[in-house]
Each structure stands twice: as C-alpha cells, then as structure tokens.
Amino acid sequence: MKIDKREKIKTRILILLVVLSIVQIGIHWNNQTQRFPFNFISAIFMGEGKALSLDVETLKDKYFKPEAVIVSIGTNHWRLDEREPQYDKIWKDVRDNYLPAMIRQKAEKILPKEEWTNIIRMRCVRMDFFVNWPGNAVQWFGDVKSGDSKNFEGIKSIVIVPEDNVNQAVNTVYVYDEKQVCRYQIDIKNDFLPKNYYSRLADELTSRNRPRQSLLSSYPNFVSDNDIFVPKPGEQGYNYSSVEVSIPEPVVLNRANIENYSIQNSILLQQKESLSAQFPDNSDNALFTDTENLYRLFSNGVLEYRYIPATSAQAGEVSAALNHALSFIEHRRSLMGEADIVLTRLVPDKRYYLMEFSYKLNGAFVYYSDSQEDRISAPIVMKVNSERILECRWVLRSFKNVGKNNYSESFGELLNNQIAKTYPEIIDREIKYFTRLEQGYIFRLTDTSGVLLAPNWIISTDERDYFIPFR
C-alpha cells in the first residue's frame, strides 16, 4: 500500500513538472518570436488583444478591392473610385455574388490574353486591381476551400459585359490574370443587382453629367503600356483638400517617448517587455532587439524590422504571407491618421514574397520619394513568407485633411500651359511614353512635422517623375 501511494505521488509530481515545462515553453515563445510552434500554446498564451492575426472579413474590406470601377461606352469612360456611391454598390455585388460563383465553377471558355483589348473596348463595367491577385489569395479572402476552386488562377481585372448574352437572367463576366482571359456565364440570383443596372449605368452617368475621361493613348503619339485615363476637355473634376503630414506623435524619437513606453506600445506591441532598448544620447535611431527580432526606429520616422536567424524556408502559400503582412500593418494602422493603405505590388520569389504598400487619401495616392531627385518609391516594403515577416521598411507618417479647395483638373491646361512652360521635354519627344499620369500628393523623407501637401499632377515617364501643382 505504501509503495502504491509513493507511485501515485511520483506520477502527480511528473504531471506537474510536464505542465510547468509547457508553461515555460509558452512564456519563452511568447517573449522571443512572432508566433508559437503549436496552436494550443498560442491559444493559452496569446490573450485576446495580443493575437497577431485579424478577422479575414476586416482585411478583405480594406485591402481586397479594385483600384477603380470603369464604365465604358465607345470613347467615353467614367472612372469611379471610392468617392462615388456606384463604386461600393458594384464592388459589393461582384465580391459577394459573382466572385464566389466564378471560383466554384469552371470557365465557359479560355481566351488568349490578346483578346483582352477587344473585350474592354465594348460597352462594359470593368474593375481593375492594383496587383494581380493570386488565386490562393482570392480564395482566402473569399473564404473558399482550395478544393472548391475550378482552375481559378488569379485576378488582375474583371469585366461585366451585359450585352454579350440576351438572357436577362445571365450575365457574361471576363476575368483577366495577365496570362489569359476566362469567360463565365453567371446566373443572376435574387441577391444580385439586376442585369439592367449594369447595361444602363453609362446612360445614368451621362444623364447626371458625371465627369467623363478619355484614354491618354487616344491622343496622337501618346503611348502607355497600361490604360491611363485623363479628363475630357471641359469636364470638371473633384475638389481636393490640402493634406497635413507629420511623424505620428507617439513614435517621434525622443527620450520621453521611450521612457513612457509610447514607442514600445505603438510599435513593439506584445513584444515590448522582451526586447531591450538602446538609445544612446545624440543618436538618430533607437534599437529594440532580442535574439531573433530587431526593430530600429530612426528620427526621420523610418521603422526597420528584421528577423535575425537565417532561414531556409520557402515562400509558402501567399495567403499565409498576406495574413502576416496585413496583420503587422493593421495593428499599427492607427498611427497613419486618415490615410488608407493599399497593396500596390506583389512579387513572388523562391523564399519570400516582396510586398509594397502605399498611402491613399481623398481617392488619390500620397506618393513618397526620399528626395527631390529620387524617383517615387513605396513607403512600406516587406519581405514575407508563409511563416513570418523577414524584413520591413516603413516610412511612418500621419495624414490629416485640411479644408477643401477648387483646383483645375483641365488636361488641356496641363498640356498646353503647365507642361509646356515647366517641363517641355515631356511633350517634345516624338513618342510620348508615360507610365503614370494622375492626380495625387507627394511627400519627402524630410517632411516630418506639420508640412502641408497640395494636390499635384503626378507624371512618370521611363526617365523620371514630375510633380506639377494644381491651379
């Protein structure tokens, strides 16, 4: 009997030691890494405000949406962005109704990519995306299992062509992924917008005198690889506000913000207790590090992150990499003020995905350049795989609208006066090649405290970027 009691005591002690070991492992991983080795440890040690992943619906609403909805009839185009009520109405219908149907059914026909130009010149409603979204990412945003997908490879553009099918209960949809064009016949169900909404939309916009655009390539000797839309002569554009830009107050690099943990709370989040801080006097940067993670914040508002251990991991699934990248941004989004953040580049590599993000405000990009001489670059650049963020460089800025002013968006005024007087080399070339011509803002690395940005024409050629203020 005494031996049995001793064995029971030994067993209980061993169980207690195992539990304590698991607790110790959990504490160690919580302090040292971005993620846990096992889900059940994560559930125990990462409390409700500490989980790095976010609700997919939240991410989908913010990041998975088109750059614009373009309504076309002949040479007239209406480029609708988030400021237009039709944008949300159309995108909600496509995202919630058409996309799930297309993912789950096989394309009726596969067309060569060369057919795309002919398709978008028809009377249609088109949605262009900033990046070519991989099929795996679209399934993730749409909460669709990979097994339910019928050869759905990706999306760069979607076009609805109501006149392609006379049946009022069916709409024809084309999906372009830069390799091919897939054509679908989608049954219109009760939750869908009626087919005649799309077929009559151009007439509705005309009757409401909505501003029309032309293709830049419709002007003699003007060339671009992508469709660039410019205001038609005499058309009035949007009103734009000035924008105030500054380094977010909680992460301004000074001794007080480190000692009161403002920087740590804003940037390091749940890792703030485990990373040691180094901020020597008269230094232009502060370092926060442990054995695996290194954060460096500079006085000009640039945040750099690097995962220190060498890794041989492959890039993995893009949906998992996106989850890491978007969660990293969203947990620090409040620092950005009124600006949206948009994924503008997604490039797969063997060991990671290169992701670039830009700021957007008032329906226009807030572009970034290191200096007056440098070209436009992305303020947020990440290298991410399916396991973690490997590197990140983020130019932290807060943006705020300051009033609204009436500015001229006349394309004729831009060409004949502003360009001719300030940068005549843009139009003096025999072939006028453009990669960008749009309205937007530009800020520099030196814009750190309350600088006012006015709207500009942002013009990019194969040689340089030009910034011409609105009048």
Protein backbone atom coordinates (compact mmCIF):
# COMPACT_ATOMS: atom_id res chain seq x y z
CA MET A 1 0.00 0.00 0.00
CA LYS A 2 2.78 2.40 0.90
CA ILE A 3 4.51 1.63 -2.41
CA ASP A 4 1.27 2.38 -4.34
CA LYS A 5 0.93 5.74 -2.58
CA ARG A 6 4.52 6.64 -3.41
CA GLU A 7 3.94 5.76 -7.08
CA LYS A 8 0.85 7.97 -7.19
CA ILE A 9 2.78 10.87 -5.65
CA LYS A 10 5.59 10.40 -8.16
CA THR A 11 3.09 10.34 -11.05
CA ARG A 12 1.42 13.56 -9.88
CA ILE A 13 4.80 15.27 -9.48
CA LEU A 14 5.80 14.18 -13.02
CA ILE A 15 2.48 15.53 -14.43
CA LEU A 16 3.05 18.82 -12.62
CA LEU A 17 6.58 19.08 -14.00
CA VAL A 18 5.33 18.42 -17.55
CA VAL A 19 2.67 21.14 -17.19
CA LEU A 20 5.24 23.60 -15.80
CA SER A 21 7.56 22.75 -18.71
CA ILE A 22 4.81 23.55 -21.21
CA VAL A 23 4.10 26.83 -19.40
CA GLN A 24 7.80 27.72 -19.54
CA ILE A 25 7.93 26.92 -23.28
CA GLY A 26 4.89 29.11 -23.86
CA ILE A 27 6.40 32.04 -21.98
CA HIS A 28 9.66 31.66 -23.87
CA TRP A 29 7.99 31.60 -27.29
CA ASN A 30 5.72 34.50 -26.40
CA ASN A 31 8.73 36.61 -25.49
CA GLN A 32 11.07 35.57 -28.28
CA THR A 33 9.18 35.10 -31.55
CA GLN A 34 6.36 36.37 -33.70
CA ARG A 35 4.47 33.11 -33.48
CA PHE A 36 4.06 29.89 -31.47
CA PRO A 37 5.18 26.43 -32.51
CA PHE A 38 1.78 24.89 -31.68
CA ASN A 39 -1.73 26.28 -31.90
CA PHE A 40 -2.76 25.17 -28.44
CA ILE A 41 0.19 27.01 -26.88
CA SER A 42 -0.82 30.08 -28.84
CA ALA A 43 -4.36 29.86 -27.54
CA ILE A 44 -3.11 29.68 -23.96
CA PHE A 45 -0.52 32.45 -24.00
CA MET A 46 -1.78 34.97 -26.51
CA GLY A 47 -4.67 36.73 -24.91
CA GLU A 48 -7.43 38.50 -26.70
CA GLY A 49 -5.69 41.74 -27.69
CA LYS A 50 -2.38 40.08 -28.44
CA ALA A 51 -3.17 37.74 -31.32
CA LEU A 52 -1.33 38.79 -34.46
CA SER A 53 -3.96 37.52 -36.88
CA LEU A 54 -7.06 39.55 -37.68
CA ASP A 55 -10.53 38.73 -38.96
CA VAL A 56 -10.34 37.98 -42.69
CA GLU A 57 -13.51 39.98 -43.35
CA THR A 58 -11.81 43.08 -41.92
CA LEU A 59 -8.76 42.57 -44.13
CA LYS A 60 -10.90 41.84 -47.20
CA ASP A 61 -12.89 45.06 -46.86
CA LYS A 62 -9.71 47.14 -46.56
CA TYR A 63 -7.28 45.53 -48.97
CA PHE A 64 -9.11 43.33 -51.45
CA LYS A 65 -10.91 45.90 -53.58
CA PRO A 66 -10.43 47.35 -57.06
CA GLU A 67 -8.40 50.43 -57.86
CA ALA A 68 -11.40 51.77 -59.77
CA VAL A 69 -14.68 50.80 -61.41
CA ILE A 70 -14.60 51.90 -65.06
CA VAL A 71 -17.82 52.29 -67.00
CA SER A 72 -17.18 52.43 -70.77
CA ILE A 73 -19.21 53.12 -73.87
CA GLY A 74 -17.33 53.90 -77.06
CA THR A 75 -14.64 56.51 -76.38
CA ASN A 76 -16.36 57.75 -73.21
CA HIS A 77 -15.20 56.39 -69.87
CA TRP A 78 -16.22 57.09 -66.28
CA ARG A 79 -13.55 56.12 -63.79
CA LEU A 80 -15.27 55.71 -60.41
CA ASP A 81 -13.26 55.43 -57.19
CA GLU A 82 -14.28 55.07 -53.54
CA ARG A 83 -15.74 58.59 -53.50
CA GLU A 84 -18.55 57.53 -55.86
CA PRO A 85 -21.62 55.66 -54.49
CA GLN A 86 -21.69 53.33 -57.52
CA TYR A 87 -18.21 52.02 -56.65
CA ASP A 88 -19.31 50.38 -53.38
CA LYS A 89 -22.59 49.16 -54.85
CA ILE A 90 -20.93 47.42 -57.81
CA TRP A 91 -17.95 46.01 -55.89
CA LYS A 92 -20.21 44.58 -53.17
CA ASP A 93 -22.27 42.80 -55.84
CA VAL A 94 -19.19 41.41 -57.59
CA ARG A 95 -17.34 40.45 -54.39
CA ASP A 96 -20.28 38.79 -52.63
CA ASN A 97 -22.11 37.27 -55.60
CA TYR A 98 -20.11 36.98 -58.82
CA LEU A 99 -16.71 36.06 -57.36
CA PRO A 100 -17.88 33.06 -55.27
CA ALA A 101 -19.78 31.76 -58.30
CA MET A 102 -16.75 32.13 -60.61
CA ILE A 103 -14.37 30.49 -58.14
CA ARG A 104 -16.62 27.43 -57.83
CA GLN A 105 -17.50 26.93 -61.48
CA LYS A 106 -15.34 26.15 -64.47
CA ALA A 107 -14.82 28.90 -67.03
CA GLU A 108 -17.04 28.55 -70.10
CA LYS A 109 -14.14 29.46 -72.37
CA ILE A 110 -10.44 30.31 -72.10
CA LEU A 111 -9.31 33.10 -74.42
CA PRO A 112 -5.76 34.27 -75.24
CA LYS A 113 -4.68 37.41 -73.39
CA GLU A 114 -4.51 39.30 -76.70
CA GLU A 115 -8.33 39.29 -76.73
CA TRP A 116 -8.44 41.48 -73.62
CA THR A 117 -8.09 44.76 -75.54
CA ASN A 118 -11.12 43.93 -77.68
CA ILE A 119 -13.21 42.98 -74.64
CA ILE A 120 -12.60 46.20 -72.67
CA ARG A 121 -13.46 48.34 -75.70
CA MET A 122 -17.04 47.04 -75.61
CA ARG A 123 -19.85 48.61 -73.59
CA CYS A 124 -18.93 47.23 -70.20
CA VAL A 125 -18.31 47.72 -66.48
CA ARG A 126 -14.73 46.95 -65.52
CA MET A 127 -12.84 46.58 -62.24
CA ASP A 128 -9.05 46.98 -62.29
CA PHE A 129 -6.91 45.86 -59.34
CA PHE A 130 -3.58 47.30 -58.24
CA VAL A 131 -1.96 43.86 -58.22
CA ASN A 132 -2.58 40.56 -59.94
CA TRP A 133 -4.20 38.75 -57.01
CA PRO A 134 -3.14 35.05 -56.97
CA GLY A 135 -5.94 32.50 -56.88
CA ASN A 136 -4.86 31.29 -53.44
CA ALA A 137 -5.25 34.82 -52.04
CA VAL A 138 -8.66 35.30 -53.68
CA GLN A 139 -9.86 32.02 -52.18
CA TRP A 140 -8.57 33.13 -48.76
CA PHE A 141 -10.37 36.48 -48.95
CA GLY A 142 -13.49 34.73 -50.22
CA ASP A 143 -13.32 32.04 -47.51
CA VAL A 144 -13.34 29.33 -50.19
CA LYS A 145 -11.56 25.99 -49.74
CA SER A 146 -8.93 25.22 -52.37
CA GLY A 147 -10.78 22.04 -53.32
CA ASP A 148 -13.84 24.07 -54.30
CA SER A 149 -11.90 26.16 -56.82
CA LYS A 150 -12.21 25.23 -60.50
CA ASN A 151 -8.85 26.24 -62.01
CA PHE A 152 -9.16 29.80 -60.78
CA GLU A 153 -5.62 31.21 -61.15
CA GLY A 154 -5.89 34.90 -60.28
CA ILE A 155 -7.40 38.32 -60.93
CA LYS A 156 -5.96 41.50 -62.40
CA SER A 157 -9.22 42.78 -63.91
CA ILE A 158 -12.89 41.79 -64.07
CA VAL A 159 -15.27 42.92 -66.81
CA ILE A 160 -19.05 42.57 -66.93
CA VAL A 161 -20.49 42.75 -70.46
CA PRO A 162 -24.30 42.64 -70.22
CA GLU A 163 -24.86 42.76 -74.00
CA ASP A 164 -22.88 39.54 -74.55
CA ASN A 165 -25.90 37.46 -73.51
CA VAL A 166 -29.52 38.38 -74.34
CA ASN A 167 -30.82 36.28 -71.44
CA GLN A 168 -31.74 38.75 -68.68
CA ALA A 169 -31.12 36.07 -66.06
CA VAL A 170 -27.47 35.57 -67.10
CA ASN A 171 -24.51 37.96 -67.17
CA THR A 172 -21.25 37.46 -69.04
CA VAL A 173 -18.11 38.07 -66.99
CA TYR A 174 -14.47 38.06 -68.11
CA VAL A 175 -11.51 37.62 -65.74
CA TYR A 176 -8.01 38.65 -66.81
CA ASP A 177 -4.91 37.38 -64.97
CA GLU A 178 -2.20 38.74 -67.36
CA LYS A 179 -1.77 35.25 -68.86
CA GLN A 180 -5.21 34.51 -70.24
CA VAL A 181 -8.86 35.58 -70.20
CA CYS A 182 -11.55 33.38 -68.65
CA ARG A 183 -15.17 33.83 -69.72
CA TYR A 184 -18.03 32.91 -67.38
CA GLN A 185 -21.81 32.85 -67.75
CA ILE A 186 -23.18 33.70 -64.31
CA ASP A 187 -26.78 33.05 -63.29
CA ILE A 188 -28.25 36.18 -61.70
CA LYS A 189 -29.92 35.21 -58.43
CA ASN A 190 -32.11 37.17 -56.01
CA ASP A 191 -29.22 38.75 -54.11
CA PHE A 192 -27.58 40.10 -57.31
CA LEU A 193 -28.07 43.55 -58.73
CA PRO A 194 -30.40 43.32 -61.75
CA LYS A 195 -28.69 42.92 -65.09
CA ASN A 196 -30.17 46.17 -66.42
CA TYR A 197 -28.34 48.09 -63.67
CA TYR A 198 -25.08 47.36 -65.49
CA SER A 199 -26.47 47.82 -69.01
CA ARG A 200 -27.98 51.24 -68.14
CA LEU A 201 -25.18 52.56 -65.96
CA ALA A 202 -23.42 54.55 -68.72
CA ASP A 203 -26.73 56.23 -69.62
CA GLU A 204 -27.35 57.07 -65.95
CA LEU A 205 -23.92 58.67 -65.56
CA THR A 206 -24.45 60.65 -68.76
CA SER A 207 -27.81 61.98 -67.59
CA ARG A 208 -26.26 63.06 -64.29
CA ASN A 209 -23.44 64.90 -66.08
CA ARG A 210 -20.77 62.90 -64.31
CA PRO A 211 -17.24 63.87 -65.50
CA ARG A 212 -16.01 61.72 -68.40
CA GLN A 213 -12.47 60.61 -69.15
CA SER A 214 -10.57 59.69 -72.30
CA LEU A 215 -7.69 57.28 -72.75
CA LEU A 216 -4.34 59.05 -72.88
CA SER A 217 -3.39 56.81 -75.79
CA SER A 218 -6.23 58.34 -77.83
CA TYR A 219 -4.10 61.49 -78.22
CA PRO A 220 -1.63 61.45 -81.15
CA ASN A 221 1.80 60.00 -80.26
CA PHE A 222 0.87 59.44 -76.59
CA VAL A 223 1.79 55.90 -75.56
CA SER A 224 1.39 53.83 -72.39
CA ASP A 225 1.53 50.12 -71.61
CA ASN A 226 -1.47 50.49 -69.28
CA ASP A 227 -4.75 52.37 -69.69
CA ILE A 228 -4.32 55.90 -68.31
CA PHE A 229 -7.50 57.97 -68.05
CA VAL A 230 -7.44 61.78 -68.32
CA PRO A 231 -10.29 64.32 -68.06
CA LYS A 232 -12.06 65.16 -71.31
CA PRO A 233 -11.85 68.80 -72.45
CA GLY A 234 -14.25 70.99 -70.48
CA GLU A 235 -15.01 68.36 -67.84
CA GLN A 236 -14.79 69.34 -64.17
CA GLY A 237 -13.05 67.02 -61.74
CA TYR A 238 -13.08 66.56 -57.97
CA ASN A 239 -12.36 69.06 -55.24
CA TYR A 240 -9.19 68.21 -53.32
CA SER A 241 -8.11 69.20 -49.84
CA SER A 242 -4.64 70.04 -48.71
CA VAL A 243 -3.08 67.32 -46.56
CA GLU A 244 -1.00 67.77 -43.42
CA VAL A 245 1.76 65.20 -42.97
CA SER A 246 3.93 64.54 -39.91
CA ILE A 247 5.60 61.73 -37.98
CA PRO A 248 2.94 60.22 -35.68
CA GLU A 249 3.30 61.82 -32.25
CA PRO A 250 3.53 58.51 -30.30
CA VAL A 251 6.61 57.43 -32.29
CA VAL A 252 8.53 60.70 -32.50
CA LEU A 253 12.02 59.61 -31.45
CA ASN A 254 12.90 61.22 -28.14
CA ARG A 255 13.83 60.12 -24.65
CA ALA A 256 10.38 60.79 -23.21
CA ASN A 257 8.57 58.55 -25.72
CA ILE A 258 10.92 55.69 -24.88
CA GLU A 259 10.80 56.14 -21.12
CA ASN A 260 7.00 56.36 -21.04
CA TYR A 261 6.79 53.32 -23.39
CA SER A 262 4.87 55.26 -26.06
CA ILE A 263 7.13 53.95 -28.85
CA GLN A 264 7.17 50.43 -27.47
CA ASN A 265 3.36 50.35 -27.11
CA SER A 266 2.86 51.66 -30.64
CA ILE A 267 5.44 49.55 -32.50
CA LEU A 268 6.52 46.54 -30.46
CA LEU A 269 3.06 45.66 -29.13
CA GLN A 270 3.14 42.32 -27.22
CA GLN A 271 6.93 42.11 -27.60
CA LYS A 272 7.60 45.34 -25.72
CA GLU A 273 8.61 43.62 -22.47
CA SER A 274 11.02 41.15 -24.04
CA LEU A 275 13.05 43.44 -26.33
CA SER A 276 15.85 45.50 -24.86
CA ALA A 277 16.04 49.19 -25.87
CA GLN A 278 19.21 51.03 -26.90
CA PHE A 279 19.04 54.80 -27.44
CA PRO A 280 22.40 56.49 -26.90
CA ASP A 281 22.48 60.27 -26.44
CA ASN A 282 22.66 62.25 -29.71
CA SER A 283 21.79 59.15 -31.73
CA ASP A 284 19.45 59.39 -34.72
CA ASN A 285 17.94 55.95 -34.06
CA ALA A 286 16.75 53.63 -31.31
CA LEU A 287 17.29 49.87 -31.37
CA PHE A 288 14.95 47.26 -29.87
CA THR A 289 16.22 43.70 -30.06
CA ASP A 290 16.40 40.19 -28.68
CA THR A 291 17.95 37.02 -30.08
CA GLU A 292 15.51 36.82 -33.00
CA ASN A 293 13.90 40.20 -33.65
CA LEU A 294 15.43 43.57 -34.45
CA TYR A 295 13.45 46.81 -34.69
CA ARG A 296 15.18 50.11 -35.48
CA LEU A 297 13.34 53.45 -35.40
CA PHE A 298 15.02 56.49 -36.95
CA SER A 299 14.45 60.14 -36.13
CA ASN A 300 13.05 60.71 -39.65
CA GLY A 301 10.20 58.29 -38.89
CA VAL A 302 11.58 55.26 -40.75
CA LEU A 303 10.91 51.96 -38.99
CA GLU A 304 13.01 48.94 -39.97
CA TYR A 305 12.36 45.36 -38.86
CA ARG A 306 14.47 42.25 -39.45
CA TYR A 307 14.12 38.64 -38.40
CA ILE A 308 17.66 37.80 -37.32
CA PRO A 309 18.05 33.99 -37.64
CA ALA A 310 18.97 32.64 -41.06
CA THR A 311 16.12 30.67 -42.60
CA SER A 312 15.94 28.25 -45.50
CA ALA A 313 12.14 28.21 -45.58
CA GLN A 314 10.37 28.54 -48.92
CA ALA A 315 7.90 31.34 -49.68
CA GLY A 316 4.93 29.05 -48.97
CA GLU A 317 1.29 29.98 -49.58
CA VAL A 318 0.68 33.61 -50.44
CA SER A 319 -2.48 33.74 -48.30
CA ALA A 320 -0.46 32.96 -45.16
CA ALA A 321 2.18 35.54 -46.09
CA LEU A 322 -0.55 38.15 -46.68
CA ASN A 323 -2.04 37.37 -43.29
CA HIS A 324 1.30 38.15 -41.61
CA ALA A 325 1.88 41.34 -43.62
CA LEU A 326 -1.62 42.77 -43.27
CA SER A 327 -1.79 41.93 -39.56
CA PHE A 328 1.55 43.70 -38.99
CA ILE A 329 0.17 46.83 -40.66
CA GLU A 330 -3.31 46.74 -39.17
CA HIS A 331 -2.03 46.55 -35.58
CA ARG A 332 -0.22 49.83 -36.24
CA ARG A 333 -2.74 51.43 -38.62
CA SER A 334 -4.00 53.99 -36.08
CA LEU A 335 -0.65 55.78 -36.40
CA MET A 336 -1.48 56.72 -40.02
CA GLY A 337 -4.31 59.14 -39.26
CA GLU A 338 -6.85 59.47 -42.08
CA ALA A 339 -4.86 57.66 -44.78
CA ASP A 340 -5.73 54.30 -46.29
CA ILE A 341 -3.00 51.75 -47.03
CA VAL A 342 -3.04 49.94 -50.37
CA LEU A 343 -1.07 46.92 -51.60
CA THR A 344 0.44 48.14 -54.89
CA ARG A 345 3.00 45.43 -55.71
CA LEU A 346 3.19 41.69 -55.04
CA VAL A 347 6.17 39.80 -56.45
CA PRO A 348 6.78 36.10 -55.67
CA ASP A 349 10.33 34.92 -55.02
CA LYS A 350 11.67 31.50 -54.13
CA ARG A 351 11.99 32.23 -50.40
CA TYR A 352 9.59 35.13 -49.85
CA TYR A 353 7.01 37.49 -51.33
CA LEU A 354 8.03 41.07 -51.94
CA MET A 355 5.12 43.34 -50.97
CA GLU A 356 4.91 47.10 -51.43
CA PHE A 357 2.23 49.30 -49.90
CA SER A 358 1.35 52.97 -50.48
CA TYR A 359 -0.76 55.59 -48.75
CA LYS A 360 -4.03 56.86 -50.26
CA LEU A 361 -6.24 59.78 -49.25
CA ASN A 362 -9.20 61.56 -50.90
CA GLY A 363 -9.22 58.90 -53.63
CA ALA A 364 -5.65 59.84 -54.61
CA PHE A 365 -2.25 58.35 -53.82
CA VAL A 366 0.10 60.08 -51.41
CA TYR A 367 3.34 59.15 -53.13
CA TYR A 368 6.72 59.05 -51.42
CA SER A 369 10.22 59.97 -52.55
CA ASP A 370 13.42 60.07 -50.50
CA SER A 371 14.44 63.40 -52.02
CA GLN A 372 13.68 65.82 -54.83
CA GLU A 373 15.98 63.92 -57.19
CA ASP A 374 14.85 60.38 -56.34
CA ARG A 375 12.05 58.53 -58.09
CA ILE A 376 8.78 57.56 -56.46
CA SER A 377 9.13 54.53 -54.20
CA ALA A 378 6.86 52.65 -51.81
CA PRO A 379 6.72 53.88 -48.17
CA ILE A 380 6.15 50.30 -46.95
CA VAL A 381 8.26 47.44 -48.31
CA MET A 382 8.16 43.92 -46.85
CA LYS A 383 9.70 40.52 -47.48
CA VAL A 384 7.31 37.91 -46.09
CA ASN A 385 6.93 34.15 -46.26
CA SER A 386 4.16 31.91 -45.00
CA GLU A 387 5.81 31.64 -41.58
CA ARG A 388 6.70 35.24 -40.70
CA ILE A 389 7.82 38.69 -41.75
CA LEU A 390 11.50 38.58 -42.66
CA GLU A 391 12.16 42.27 -43.35
CA CYS A 392 10.21 45.50 -43.34
CA ARG A 393 10.96 49.17 -44.04
CA TRP A 394 8.10 51.53 -43.20
CA VAL A 395 8.14 55.33 -43.55
CA LEU A 396 5.76 56.14 -40.69
CA ARG A 397 3.58 59.18 -41.35
CA SER A 398 0.25 60.52 -40.11
CA PHE A 399 -2.04 62.31 -42.59
CA LYS A 400 -4.89 64.75 -42.00
CA ASN A 401 -7.19 66.62 -44.40
CA VAL A 402 -7.06 70.41 -44.11
CA GLY A 403 -10.06 72.08 -45.81
CA LYS A 404 -11.11 71.74 -49.44
CA ASN A 405 -10.23 73.89 -52.42
CA ASN A 406 -11.33 74.07 -56.04
CA TYR A 407 -8.42 73.10 -58.25
CA SER A 408 -8.36 72.90 -62.02
CA GLU A 409 -8.01 69.38 -63.42
CA SER A 410 -8.03 70.52 -67.04
CA PHE A 411 -5.87 68.20 -69.12
CA GLY A 412 -5.66 70.83 -71.85
CA GLU A 413 -4.36 73.40 -69.34
CA LEU A 414 -1.82 70.85 -68.14
CA LEU A 415 -0.52 70.06 -71.62
CA ASN A 416 -0.61 73.47 -73.26
CA ASN A 417 0.50 75.67 -70.37
CA GLN A 418 1.91 73.94 -67.30
CA ILE A 419 3.95 71.22 -69.01
CA ALA A 420 4.95 73.46 -71.91
CA LYS A 421 6.31 76.09 -69.52
CA THR A 422 7.89 73.95 -66.81
CA TYR A 423 8.85 70.58 -68.31
CA PRO A 424 8.66 70.87 -72.13
CA GLU A 425 10.81 67.74 -72.53
CA ILE A 426 7.75 65.68 -71.56
CA ILE A 427 5.92 66.51 -74.79
CA ASP A 428 8.82 67.45 -77.06
CA ARG A 429 9.65 63.79 -77.72
CA GLU A 430 8.34 62.22 -80.92
CA ILE A 431 6.85 59.30 -78.96
CA LYS A 432 5.44 60.49 -75.64
CA TYR A 433 5.68 57.43 -73.39
CA PHE A 434 4.03 57.52 -69.93
CA THR A 435 3.89 55.05 -67.09
CA ARG A 436 1.77 57.31 -64.86
CA LEU A 437 -0.36 60.44 -65.25
CA GLU A 438 -2.77 61.09 -62.41
CA GLN A 439 -3.77 63.38 -59.58
CA GLY A 440 -2.14 62.88 -56.20
CA TYR A 441 0.20 64.09 -53.48
CA ILE A 442 3.92 63.70 -52.87
CA PHE A 443 5.86 63.78 -49.60
CA ARG A 444 9.59 63.57 -48.88
CA LEU A 445 11.59 61.94 -46.13
CA THR A 446 12.31 65.44 -44.76
CA ASP A 447 8.56 66.16 -44.32
CA THR A 448 8.37 65.28 -40.65
CA SER A 449 6.30 67.88 -38.80
CA GLY A 450 3.09 69.52 -39.98
CA VAL A 451 4.04 70.01 -43.64
CA LEU A 452 1.10 70.89 -45.92
CA LEU A 453 0.84 68.93 -49.16
CA ALA A 454 -1.08 70.40 -52.11
CA PRO A 455 -2.54 68.18 -54.87
CA ASN A 456 -0.35 67.69 -57.92
CA TRP A 457 -0.36 66.15 -61.34
CA ILE A 458 1.91 63.13 -60.88
CA ILE A 459 3.57 62.31 -64.20
CA SER A 460 6.02 59.45 -64.75
CA THR A 461 7.93 58.62 -67.90
CA ASP A 462 10.56 55.97 -68.48
CA GLU A 463 13.18 58.54 -67.39
CA ARG A 464 11.88 60.41 -64.34
CA ASP A 465 8.90 61.54 -62.22
CA TYR A 466 7.38 65.03 -62.45
CA PHE A 467 5.19 66.83 -59.94
CA ILE A 468 3.11 69.77 -61.21
CA PRO A 469 0.85 71.57 -58.68
CA PHE A 470 -2.83 72.04 -59.47
CA ARG A 471 -4.01 75.56 -60.27
